[in-house]
Protein backbone atom coordinates (compact mmCIF):
# COMPACT_ATOMS: atom_id res chain seq x y z
CA MET A 1 0.00 0.00 0.00
CA SER A 2 1.61 3.23 -1.12
CA ASP A 3 -1.04 5.59 0.26
CA ARG A 4 0.68 7.35 3.16
CA LEU A 5 -0.86 8.83 6.26
CA ARG A 6 0.14 12.42 7.00
CA LEU A 7 -0.09 14.63 10.04
CA PRO A 8 -2.83 17.25 10.04
CA ASN A 9 -1.74 20.27 7.98
CA ALA A 10 -1.14 22.54 10.96
CA ARG A 11 1.49 20.20 12.38
CA ARG A 12 3.07 18.79 9.25
CA ALA A 13 6.84 18.95 9.22
CA ARG A 14 8.70 20.01 6.12
CA PRO A 15 11.52 17.69 4.97
CA ARG A 16 14.35 19.64 6.61
CA ARG A 17 16.45 17.80 9.13
CA THR A 18 19.38 19.93 10.39
CA LEU A 19 19.90 21.05 13.98
CA PRO A 20 21.33 24.51 14.65
CA THR A 21 22.37 25.27 18.22
CA ARG A 22 20.03 28.21 18.72
CA LEU A 23 18.75 28.01 22.31
CA ARG A 24 16.07 29.73 24.31
CA ARG A 25 13.41 29.13 26.93
CA ALA A 26 10.82 26.47 26.02
CA SER A 27 7.05 26.26 26.34
CA LEU A 28 4.73 23.31 26.74
CA LEU A 29 3.78 22.47 23.17
CA GLY A 30 6.59 24.14 21.28
CA LEU A 31 9.07 26.93 21.84
CA VAL A 32 7.85 30.49 21.78
CA ALA A 33 9.14 32.68 18.98
CA ALA A 34 10.59 36.13 19.31
CA ALA A 35 7.29 37.87 18.68
CA LEU A 36 5.81 36.04 21.65
CA VAL A 37 8.78 36.63 23.92
CA SER A 38 8.56 40.35 23.26
CA THR A 39 5.11 40.45 24.85
CA ALA A 40 6.43 39.35 28.24
CA CYS A 41 6.72 42.97 29.32
CA ARG A 42 3.06 43.77 28.69
CA SER A 43 0.99 45.18 31.56
CA ALA A 44 -0.14 42.70 34.20
CA PRO A 45 -3.73 41.36 34.27
CA ARG A 46 -5.70 43.54 36.67
CA ALA A 47 -7.07 40.95 39.15
CA ALA A 48 -4.47 39.55 41.58
CA VAL A 49 -4.52 36.91 44.35
CA ALA A 50 -1.52 36.41 46.62
CA THR A 51 -0.31 32.91 47.57
CA PRO A 52 2.73 31.67 49.53
CA TRP A 53 4.20 30.56 46.21
CA GLY A 54 3.69 33.72 44.19
CA GLU A 55 0.98 35.98 42.87
CA ALA A 56 -1.77 34.75 40.54
CA ARG A 57 -3.16 37.27 38.05
CA ALA A 58 -6.01 37.14 35.54
CA ALA A 59 -8.53 39.43 33.87
CA THR A 60 -11.20 38.61 36.46
CA ARG A 61 -11.13 37.92 40.18
CA ALA A 62 -12.77 34.53 39.69
CA ASP A 63 -10.12 33.40 37.20
CA ALA A 64 -7.31 34.72 39.38
CA GLU A 65 -8.66 32.68 42.31
CA ARG A 66 -8.77 29.57 40.16
CA VAL A 67 -5.17 30.11 39.07
CA ALA A 68 -4.14 30.74 42.68
CA ALA A 69 -5.73 27.46 43.74
CA LEU A 70 -3.76 25.61 41.07
CA LEU A 71 -0.53 27.32 42.09
CA GLU A 72 -1.04 26.50 45.78
CA ASP A 73 -1.78 22.88 44.89
CA LEU A 74 0.99 22.25 42.36
CA ALA A 75 4.02 24.27 43.53
CA PRO A 76 4.61 22.31 46.77
CA ARG A 77 4.04 19.02 44.97
CA VAL A 78 6.60 19.86 42.27
CA ARG A 79 9.13 20.73 44.95
CA ALA A 80 8.36 17.51 46.82
CA LEU A 81 8.92 15.35 43.74
CA LEU A 82 12.14 16.91 42.47
CA PRO A 83 15.53 16.88 44.18
CA ASP A 84 17.21 20.32 44.29
CA THR A 85 14.53 22.94 43.66
CA VAL A 86 14.92 26.65 44.36
CA ASP A 87 12.94 28.40 47.08
CA ARG A 88 11.59 31.47 45.31
CA PRO A 89 8.14 32.82 44.50
CA THR A 90 6.86 32.55 40.95
CA ASP A 91 4.00 34.67 39.65
CA VAL A 92 1.47 33.15 37.28
CA TRP A 93 -0.39 35.28 34.74
CA LEU A 94 -3.38 34.00 32.83
CA GLU A 95 -3.30 35.80 29.49
CA PRO A 96 -4.84 35.69 26.01
CA PHE A 97 -1.56 35.66 24.11
CA ASP A 98 -3.13 34.06 21.04
CA GLU A 99 -2.46 37.16 18.96
CA ALA A 100 1.27 37.13 19.58
CA ALA A 101 1.41 33.37 19.14
CA GLU A 102 -0.32 33.63 15.79
CA ALA A 103 2.05 36.42 14.76
CA SER A 104 5.00 34.20 15.58
CA GLY A 105 3.55 31.32 13.61
CA ARG A 106 3.31 29.26 16.81
CA PRO A 107 -0.37 29.13 17.83
CA GLU A 108 0.24 25.88 19.71
CA VAL A 109 2.17 27.70 22.47
CA VAL A 110 0.18 27.45 25.70
CA GLY A 111 2.70 28.30 28.43
CA LEU A 112 5.88 30.29 28.91
CA THR A 113 8.32 30.64 31.79
CA THR A 114 10.61 33.68 32.02
CA LEU A 115 13.22 33.11 34.74
CA ALA A 116 14.49 36.68 34.65
CA THR A 117 11.12 38.03 35.82
CA GLY A 118 10.11 35.02 37.89
CA ARG A 119 6.92 34.72 35.89
CA ILE A 120 4.89 32.01 34.24
CA ARG A 121 2.36 32.90 31.58
CA VAL A 122 -0.46 30.48 30.80
CA ARG A 123 -2.77 30.94 27.87
CA ARG A 124 -6.24 31.88 29.04
CA ASP A 125 -8.14 29.26 27.07
CA ARG A 126 -6.36 26.44 28.94
CA LEU A 127 -8.31 27.23 32.12
CA GLY A 128 -10.93 24.55 32.54
CA ARG A 129 -9.09 22.28 30.09
CA ASP A 130 -5.51 21.32 30.92
CA ALA A 131 -4.23 24.33 32.86
CA ASP A 132 -3.06 22.01 35.66
CA PHE A 133 -0.75 20.16 33.26
CA VAL A 134 0.48 23.39 31.65
CA LEU A 135 1.23 25.01 35.01
CA ALA A 136 2.92 21.90 36.43
CA HIS A 137 5.14 21.73 33.35
CA GLU A 138 6.12 25.39 33.63
CA LEU A 139 6.70 25.15 37.39
CA VAL A 140 9.37 22.52 36.76
CA HIS A 141 11.15 25.03 34.51
CA ALA A 142 10.80 27.73 37.17
CA LEU A 143 11.90 25.65 40.19
CA LEU A 144 14.77 23.47 38.90
CA GLY A 145 17.92 24.09 40.92
CA PRO A 146 21.39 24.69 39.42
CA SER A 147 22.49 21.06 39.85
CA TRP A 148 20.09 20.19 37.00
CA ASP A 149 22.02 22.40 34.55
CA PRO A 150 23.92 19.49 32.88
CA LEU A 151 20.63 17.97 31.76
CA PRO A 152 20.30 18.62 28.00
CA ALA A 153 17.74 21.22 27.02
CA LEU A 154 15.61 18.63 25.29
CA LEU A 155 15.47 16.40 28.37
CA LYS A 156 14.52 19.35 30.54
CA GLU A 157 11.41 19.59 28.39
CA GLY A 158 10.89 15.86 28.72
CA LEU A 159 11.36 16.07 32.50
CA CYS A 160 8.73 18.81 32.68
CA ASP A 161 6.26 16.55 30.91
CA VAL A 162 7.10 13.55 33.11
CA VAL A 163 6.51 15.52 36.31
CA ALA A 164 3.37 17.18 34.96
CA ALA A 165 1.97 13.76 34.07
CA ARG A 166 2.31 12.62 37.68
CA LEU A 167 0.53 15.71 38.98
CA ALA A 168 -2.13 15.97 36.25
CA PRO A 169 -2.58 12.45 34.82
CA GLU A 170 -5.85 13.05 32.98
CA PRO A 171 -4.68 15.70 30.47
CA ALA A 172 -1.30 13.97 30.30
CA VAL A 173 -2.80 11.15 28.24
CA ARG A 174 -3.54 13.42 25.30
CA VAL A 175 -0.38 15.53 25.65
CA HIS A 176 1.83 12.45 25.66
CA ALA A 177 -0.12 10.89 22.81
CA VAL A 178 0.37 13.95 20.60
CA ARG A 179 4.04 14.21 21.58
CA PHE A 180 4.69 10.64 20.47
CA VAL A 181 2.68 11.07 17.26
CA ASP A 182 4.83 14.09 16.39
CA ALA A 183 7.95 11.98 16.93
CA ALA A 184 6.58 9.02 14.97
CA PHE A 185 5.69 11.17 11.96
CA SER A 186 9.25 12.44 11.73
CA ASP A 187 10.39 8.91 10.83
CA PRO A 188 9.13 7.36 7.58
CA GLY A 189 10.19 3.99 8.98
CA MET A 190 7.27 4.16 11.39
CA ALA A 191 3.95 2.78 10.20
CA LEU A 192 0.46 2.14 11.42
CA GLU A 193 -1.10 -1.25 10.92
CA LEU A 194 -4.77 -1.76 10.12
CA SER A 195 -6.46 -5.13 10.59
CA TYR A 196 -9.87 -5.79 9.06
CA SER A 197 -12.24 -8.42 7.73
CA GLY A 198 -13.44 -8.38 4.13
CA PRO A 199 -16.99 -7.56 3.06
CA SER A 200 -18.06 -11.13 3.82
CA GLY A 201 -16.26 -11.27 7.17
CA GLY A 202 -13.99 -14.17 8.01
CA VAL A 203 -10.21 -14.01 7.54
CA ARG A 204 -8.49 -10.95 9.00
CA THR A 205 -6.15 -8.99 6.74
CA GLN A 206 -3.40 -6.55 7.74
CA VAL A 207 -2.70 -3.39 5.79
CA VAL A 208 0.40 -1.34 6.58
CA ILE A 209 -0.15 2.43 6.48
CA PRO A 210 3.23 4.11 5.85
CA ILE A 211 3.94 7.45 7.49
CA SER A 212 4.74 10.54 5.47
CA GLY A 213 8.26 11.96 5.55
CA ALA A 214 11.06 12.19 3.05
CA GLU A 215 13.91 11.89 5.52
CA ARG A 216 14.19 10.78 9.12
CA LEU A 217 14.78 13.41 11.81
CA ASP A 218 17.61 12.05 13.99
CA PRO A 219 17.01 12.98 17.66
CA VAL A 220 20.45 11.91 18.92
CA PRO A 221 22.32 15.18 18.10
CA ALA A 222 19.75 17.17 20.08
CA LEU A 223 20.68 15.25 23.25
CA ALA A 224 24.06 17.01 23.27
CA LEU A 225 22.63 20.55 23.35
CA ALA A 226 22.73 22.44 26.63
CA GLY A 227 20.46 25.21 27.80
CA GLY A 228 17.16 25.93 29.45
CA GLY A 229 15.13 25.32 26.32
CA LEU A 230 15.84 24.37 22.77
CA ALA A 231 14.68 25.93 19.54
CA ALA A 232 15.86 23.04 17.44
CA HIS A 233 14.55 24.15 14.10
CA GLU A 234 12.61 26.94 12.47
CA ASP A 235 10.05 24.35 11.40
CA PRO A 236 7.51 23.84 14.23
CA GLY A 237 6.89 20.29 13.01
CA ASP A 238 10.54 19.36 13.54
CA GLU A 239 10.59 20.99 16.97
CA SER A 240 7.43 19.17 17.97
CA ALA A 241 8.97 15.86 16.90
CA LEU A 242 12.10 16.51 18.97
CA TYR A 243 10.05 17.33 22.04
CA GLY A 244 8.29 14.01 21.59
CA TYR A 245 11.67 12.32 21.58
CA GLY A 246 12.71 14.33 24.64
CA LEU A 247 9.69 13.05 26.53
CA LEU A 248 10.41 9.51 25.36
CA VAL A 249 13.99 9.55 26.69
CA ALA A 250 13.14 11.29 29.96
CA ASP A 251 10.22 8.97 30.64
CA ARG A 252 12.29 5.84 30.01
CA ILE A 253 15.12 7.03 32.25
CA VAL A 254 12.74 7.94 35.07
CA ARG A 255 11.02 4.57 34.74
CA HIS A 256 14.40 2.81 35.01
CA LEU A 257 16.21 5.03 37.53
CA GLY A 258 13.58 7.31 39.07
CA LEU A 259 13.83 11.09 39.33
CA ASP A 260 16.69 10.73 41.79
CA GLY A 261 18.56 8.55 39.29
CA LEU A 262 18.14 11.14 36.53
CA HIS A 263 19.39 13.83 38.92
CA ALA A 264 22.35 11.61 39.82
CA LEU A 265 23.39 11.58 36.15
CA CYS A 266 23.54 15.38 36.26
CA LEU A 267 25.67 15.35 39.43
CA ARG A 268 27.99 12.73 37.97
CA ALA A 269 28.41 14.73 34.75
CA ALA A 270 29.27 17.91 36.70
CA GLU A 271 31.84 16.06 38.82
CA ALA A 272 33.45 14.71 35.63
CA GLY A 273 33.64 18.22 34.17
CA HIS A 274 30.98 17.77 31.48
CA GLU A 275 28.81 20.72 30.54
CA VAL A 276 26.09 18.31 29.42
CA VAL A 277 25.39 14.74 30.49
CA PRO A 278 27.15 12.65 27.81
CA THR A 279 24.81 11.20 25.24
CA PRO A 280 26.02 7.58 25.75
CA TRP A 281 25.03 7.83 29.44
CA LEU A 282 21.56 9.01 28.54
CA LEU A 283 21.06 6.38 25.86
CA ALA A 284 22.20 3.60 28.17
CA ALA A 285 19.93 4.80 30.97
CA ALA A 286 16.99 4.93 28.55
CA GLY A 287 17.72 1.52 27.02
CA LEU A 288 18.33 3.06 23.60
CA ASP A 289 21.14 3.26 21.07
CA GLU A 290 21.79 5.39 18.01
CA GLU A 291 20.08 2.99 15.61
CA PRO A 292 16.65 4.14 14.35
CA ALA A 293 15.16 0.72 15.09
CA SER A 294 15.65 1.14 18.85
CA TRP A 295 13.78 4.47 18.80
CA ARG A 296 10.96 2.96 16.77
CA ARG A 297 10.61 0.10 19.23
CA ALA A 298 10.61 2.53 22.14
CA LEU A 299 7.80 4.61 20.63
CA VAL A 300 5.46 1.61 20.46
CA GLN A 301 6.58 -0.48 23.43
CA GLY A 302 4.22 -0.35 26.35
CA LEU A 303 1.83 2.02 24.60
CA ALA A 304 -1.37 1.83 26.62
CA THR A 305 -4.84 1.79 25.11
CA PRO A 306 -5.79 5.31 26.34
CA GLU A 307 -2.72 6.82 24.68
CA LEU A 308 -3.33 4.96 21.41
CA GLN A 309 -6.99 5.98 21.54
CA ALA A 310 -5.93 9.61 21.96
CA GLN A 311 -3.50 9.29 19.04
CA CYS A 312 -6.25 7.94 16.81
CA GLU A 313 -8.53 10.79 17.86
CA PHE A 314 -5.81 13.27 16.96
CA LEU A 315 -5.43 11.59 13.56
CA ALA A 316 -9.15 10.96 13.12
CA ALA A 317 -9.60 12.98 9.93
CA GLU A 318 -6.58 11.36 8.30
CA LEU A 319 -7.59 7.84 9.35
CA SER A 320 -11.17 8.23 8.15
CA GLY A 321 -9.86 9.61 4.84
CA PHE A 322 -7.56 6.62 4.45
CA LEU A 323 -10.42 4.21 5.16
CA LEU A 324 -12.63 5.93 2.60
CA ARG A 325 -9.93 5.93 -0.09
CA THR A 326 -8.94 2.33 0.54
CA PHE A 327 -12.17 0.49 1.30
CA ARG A 328 -15.18 2.51 0.21
CA TYR A 329 -15.49 1.08 -3.29
CA ARG A 330 -14.96 -2.47 -2.01
CA PHE A 331 -17.83 -2.20 0.49
CA ALA A 332 -20.28 -0.73 -2.00
CA GLY A 333 -23.91 -1.06 -1.02
CA LEU A 334 -23.18 -0.91 2.72
CA THR A 335 -23.66 2.00 5.10
CA ALA A 336 -20.73 3.34 7.13
CA GLU A 337 -22.13 1.61 10.21
CA ALA A 338 -22.48 -1.67 8.33
CA PHE A 339 -18.90 -1.31 7.05
CA LEU A 340 -17.60 -0.96 10.62
CA ASP A 341 -19.75 -3.85 11.84
CA ARG A 342 -18.70 -6.07 8.94
CA SER A 343 -14.99 -5.26 8.73
CA LEU A 344 -14.33 -4.65 12.46
CA PRO A 345 -11.17 -2.60 11.70
CA THR A 346 -8.55 -2.15 14.39
CA VAL A 347 -5.46 0.04 14.27
CA GLY A 348 -2.13 0.16 16.08
CA TRP A 349 1.54 0.86 15.47
CA ARG A 350 3.53 -1.73 13.57
CA GLY A 351 5.68 -3.63 16.04
CA GLY A 352 3.43 -2.77 18.99
CA GLU A 353 0.87 -4.97 20.70
CA THR A 354 -1.87 -2.45 21.52
CA ARG A 355 -4.80 -2.13 19.15
CA VAL A 356 -7.85 0.14 19.16
CA ALA A 357 -11.17 -0.61 17.49
CA VAL A 358 -11.78 2.06 14.85
CA ALA A 359 -15.49 2.07 15.66
CA MET A 360 -14.65 3.31 19.17
CA VAL A 361 -12.77 6.37 17.89
CA ASP A 362 -15.46 9.05 17.68
CA GLY A 363 -13.68 11.25 15.18
CA VAL A 364 -13.06 8.37 12.78
CA ARG A 365 -16.57 7.02 13.08
CA SER A 366 -18.20 10.42 12.60
CA GLY A 367 -15.89 11.19 9.65
CA LEU A 368 -16.89 7.95 7.94
CA GLU A 369 -20.58 8.57 8.55
CA ARG A 370 -20.32 12.15 7.27
CA HIS A 371 -18.48 11.32 4.04
CA TRP A 372 -19.49 7.72 3.29
CA ASP A 373 -22.38 8.50 0.98
CA LEU A 374 -20.50 11.40 -0.63
CA THR A 375 -17.45 9.34 -1.60
CA GLY A 376 -19.02 6.00 -2.47
CA PRO A 377 -19.84 4.69 -5.92
CA ARG A 378 -22.78 6.59 -7.32
CA PRO A 379 -25.67 4.61 -8.79
CA LEU A 380 -24.68 3.81 -12.36
CA ALA A 381 -27.15 3.57 -15.21
CA PRO A 382 -26.10 1.83 -18.44
CA GLY A 383 -23.47 4.02 -20.07
CA ASP A 384 -22.19 5.50 -16.78
CA ALA A 385 -18.78 5.04 -15.20
CA TRP A 386 -17.27 5.81 -11.81
CA SER A 387 -13.61 6.11 -10.82
CA LEU A 388 -11.70 6.08 -7.57
CA ARG A 389 -7.99 6.34 -6.95
CA ASP A 390 -6.34 4.74 -3.92
CA GLY A 391 -2.63 4.34 -3.26
CA ALA A 392 -2.30 1.42 -5.66
CA ALA A 393 -4.23 2.38 -8.79
CA GLN A 394 -7.10 4.22 -10.36
CA HIS A 395 -10.14 1.94 -10.35
CA LEU A 396 -12.62 2.43 -13.19
CA THR A 397 -16.01 0.77 -12.89
CA SER A 398 -18.32 1.03 -15.91
CA LEU A 399 -21.81 -0.25 -16.64
CA LEU A 400 -21.77 -0.80 -20.39
CA PRO A 401 -25.12 -0.80 -22.23
CA PRO A 402 -26.22 -3.56 -24.61
CA THR A 403 -25.00 -3.36 -28.20
CA ALA A 404 -25.93 -5.24 -31.34
CA GLU A 405 -22.82 -7.41 -30.97
CA GLU A 406 -23.16 -7.84 -27.18
CA PRO A 407 -26.85 -7.56 -26.23
CA TRP A 408 -26.34 -7.62 -22.47
CA LEU A 409 -25.33 -5.34 -19.62
CA THR A 410 -21.64 -5.53 -18.69
CA LEU A 411 -20.09 -4.45 -15.43
CA SER A 412 -16.46 -3.74 -16.29
CA ARG A 413 -13.96 -3.06 -13.55
CA LEU A 414 -10.42 -2.09 -14.53
CA ALA A 415 -7.40 -1.02 -12.51
CA LEU A 416 -5.16 1.53 -14.22
CA ALA A 417 -1.84 3.01 -13.13
CA SER A 418 -2.52 5.70 -10.54
CA THR A 419 -2.65 9.17 -12.08
CA GLY A 420 -3.52 12.66 -11.01
CA ALA A 421 -7.21 12.01 -11.63
CA PRO A 422 -9.74 12.94 -8.93
CA ARG A 423 -9.92 10.56 -6.02
CA SER A 424 -13.54 9.76 -6.77
CA GLY A 425 -16.36 10.82 -9.00
CA ARG A 426 -17.76 10.13 -12.42
CA ALA A 427 -14.99 9.00 -14.68
CA ALA A 428 -13.75 11.18 -17.50
CA PRO A 429 -13.37 9.50 -20.89
CA LEU A 430 -10.04 7.68 -21.16
CA ALA A 431 -7.77 7.89 -24.16
CA GLY A 432 -7.07 4.19 -23.87
CA THR A 433 -6.72 1.30 -21.48
CA ALA A 434 -3.21 0.16 -22.33
CA GLY A 435 -1.61 -1.40 -19.27
CA ALA A 436 -4.95 -1.71 -17.45
CA ARG A 437 -5.47 -4.75 -15.24
CA VAL A 438 -8.88 -6.35 -15.52
CA ASP A 439 -10.42 -6.85 -12.11
CA THR A 440 -13.62 -8.46 -13.34
CA TYR A 441 -16.45 -8.57 -15.88
CA ILE A 442 -20.00 -9.35 -14.79
CA LYS A 443 -22.65 -9.70 -17.48
CA VAL A 444 -26.43 -9.76 -17.13
CA GLY A 445 -28.58 -10.64 -20.12
CA ARG A 446 -31.75 -12.32 -21.34
CA ASP A 447 -32.27 -15.31 -23.60
CA ASP A 448 -35.14 -17.62 -24.46
CA ASP A 449 -34.91 -19.26 -21.02
CA GLY A 450 -35.04 -16.01 -19.05
CA VAL A 451 -32.37 -13.89 -17.33
CA TRP A 452 -28.80 -15.05 -16.78
CA ILE A 453 -25.78 -13.58 -14.95
CA GLU A 454 -22.17 -14.58 -15.42
CA SER A 455 -18.81 -13.47 -14.10
CA LEU A 456 -15.54 -13.76 -15.98
CA HIS A 457 -12.08 -13.30 -14.57
CA PRO A 458 -8.59 -14.08 -15.94
CA GLN A 459 -7.35 -15.45 -12.58
CA GLY A 460 -10.42 -17.49 -11.73
CA LEU A 461 -12.91 -17.27 -8.87
CA GLU A 462 -13.00 -19.34 -5.72
CA HIS A 463 -16.16 -17.74 -4.30
CA PHE A 464 -19.26 -16.61 -6.19
CA VAL A 465 -22.64 -16.06 -4.55
CA VAL A 466 -25.72 -14.33 -5.93
CA GLU A 467 -28.46 -13.12 -3.58
CA LEU A 468 -31.85 -11.94 -4.79
CA ASP A 469 -34.13 -10.21 -2.28
CA GLY A 470 -31.98 -11.59 0.53
CA VAL A 471 -32.14 -15.21 -0.67
CA VAL A 472 -29.12 -17.06 -2.08
CA VAL A 473 -30.01 -18.17 -5.59
CA ALA A 474 -26.54 -19.26 -6.76
CA ASP A 475 -23.45 -20.49 -4.92
CA LEU A 476 -20.25 -21.66 -6.62
CA GLU A 477 -18.82 -23.52 -3.62
CA ALA A 478 -22.09 -25.35 -2.99
CA GLY A 479 -22.51 -26.10 -6.68
CA ARG A 480 -25.96 -24.54 -6.60
CA ASN A 481 -27.43 -23.09 -9.82
CA VAL A 482 -24.05 -22.51 -11.46
CA VAL A 483 -22.36 -23.64 -14.64
CA VAL A 484 -18.57 -23.37 -14.74
CA GLY A 485 -16.63 -23.10 -17.97
CA GLY A 486 -14.21 -20.95 -19.88
CA ASP A 487 -14.11 -18.58 -22.80
CA PRO A 488 -11.88 -18.44 -25.89
CA ARG A 489 -9.28 -16.38 -23.98
CA GLY A 490 -8.97 -19.05 -21.32
CA TRP A 491 -10.70 -16.98 -18.63
CA PHE A 492 -12.72 -18.58 -15.87
CA ARG A 493 -16.48 -18.21 -16.33
CA VAL A 494 -19.36 -19.00 -13.98
CA THR A 495 -22.99 -18.58 -15.07
CA ALA A 496 -26.23 -18.63 -13.03
CA ARG A 497 -29.90 -18.36 -13.96
CA LEU A 498 -32.16 -15.64 -12.53
CA PRO A 499 -35.94 -15.14 -12.56
CA GLY A 500 -37.23 -13.98 -15.91
CA ASP A 501 -39.29 -11.08 -14.58
CA LEU A 502 -36.28 -8.81 -13.90
CA ASP A 503 -36.44 -5.54 -15.87
CA LEU A 504 -32.89 -5.13 -17.20
CA ASP A 505 -33.74 -1.86 -18.93
CA ARG A 506 -34.09 -0.20 -15.52
CA ALA A 507 -31.04 -1.84 -13.93
CA ARG A 508 -28.77 0.31 -11.78
CA LEU A 509 -25.41 -0.62 -10.27
CA PHE A 510 -24.49 0.49 -6.71
CA ALA A 511 -28.04 1.70 -6.10
CA PRO A 512 -29.13 2.14 -2.44
CA SER A 513 -32.25 0.05 -3.14
CA ALA A 514 -30.21 -2.94 -4.32
CA ASN A 515 -32.14 -6.21 -4.47
CA LEU A 516 -29.50 -8.28 -6.31
CA ARG A 517 -26.06 -8.75 -4.79
CA VAL A 518 -23.08 -10.48 -6.32
CA VAL A 519 -20.33 -11.45 -3.91
CA GLN A 520 -17.16 -12.98 -5.34
CA ARG A 521 -13.54 -13.59 -4.47
CA VAL A 522 -10.72 -13.86 -6.96
CA SER A 523 -8.53 -16.95 -6.63
CA GLY A 524 -5.67 -16.27 -4.25
CA ALA A 525 -7.26 -13.11 -2.82
CA ARG A 526 -8.22 -12.79 0.84
CA ASP A 527 -11.19 -10.48 0.44
CA ASP A 528 -14.52 -10.62 -1.32
CA ASP A 529 -15.81 -7.98 -3.70
CA HIS A 530 -19.45 -6.90 -3.51
CA TYR A 531 -21.50 -5.64 -6.43
CA PRO A 532 -25.03 -4.50 -5.50
CA TRP A 533 -27.62 -4.12 -8.29
CA ALA A 534 -31.09 -2.65 -8.28
CA ILE A 535 -33.07 -4.52 -10.95
CA PRO A 536 -36.81 -4.02 -10.48
CA ARG A 537 -39.39 -6.58 -11.49
CA VAL A 538 -41.26 -6.26 -14.76
CA ARG A 539 -44.58 -4.53 -14.13
């Protein structure tokens, strides 16, 4: 499958992978740019509430009191968790700095710590959402003592996330999920894996969904950079990926050694005269090496269901689009709900053990339901055609009208080399079909004995069932109402008889009111193909 899954547009990294050593103070979901830093000197919000840990300010008294309550709850807990914290007050301002963030091109910034002024700024819209996580993260920046200085800038960010997750576990699930998605999408070697059943159920099939990215972003060089925060690249997508890696390393070290063990690495590095904890020490403590495979394993190992669920929700629009492009034409005649019930798709990272049912991901389910009817094969009258392009080919399905030479209806399905044609819609006339692969021909006609239907395929069929008004009237495997033979080209042919009162002049393919369904499976394939027809009775 060559169709790749990409991050949502707002977070998509460009294929640039160098690491300058430009350093500055970090924020929760990305580093703040100069335009945002310059607003730190703006006038203070008017409502203020004093606490033993600093002053809380907001536009209203009620909001200031809420911020003060968070500060009084979190500051002592941060100091209790971390060895070597400083004893100094830190003010917290709740501000609407969206405008400056937008101007800097970094609207994802939600928190900012400025050590020189002893101030933390939290974006106003986080109150009532994840302000506890944002503030806990920024308090780690504000309260780390000087013995933590040898910790690389990137791992300081990771440490902030690790501590914030302990103090605010509920919002941490989504923050960590997005962090790891950002890291995964910086490595084209990462891939999602989709498992599903075909239109007739039964055997499960795996489809690998490659991740977009022209070149892998190597996180190892960033582990050698000192400072309080790291602006690792002008591209926010690259920075976001590196912060995901920073969380990954910090979390693995803390799981292995604890916070005291991570602090001990800093003390040991200082005693040995290192400005930054040596990268080999960090990799060993995290159970990693410089090979990309070890980082890929780490990103999927131990991934819990809530985190994977949150990742799928973040990627919901992209996943639902992939499902529509890949499976919609193969499940023709079914509703989105029936598709989910029939195929039971699950998704997870390749190499990991955790899987999530797609039907349980609200954003994916709603996306399928919203676009299913819009993207599916339109009802085809004789002479109509419909095309859809997935990652493998452009699929052209035509319902050819009777001619003097061939007085029957012909469903023709071809697969052509993928082009720049629209993903779906009525097919434009083609200059030719050179190089096309025939998927199938299904013919419906009338003779002196009534109506007949036959399917021809160059590879042969191992499953062929015809249902009329919900009743099986032909079954290849059961040998019921079928005649098997060949044609002059050597193709496999199976023919069945149908009632003679079907009105072929009013036949429609892929119609919602289908009463005739053909279900077949090509020899060697794992999935069935469904072809629903609406052929009314003769009045």
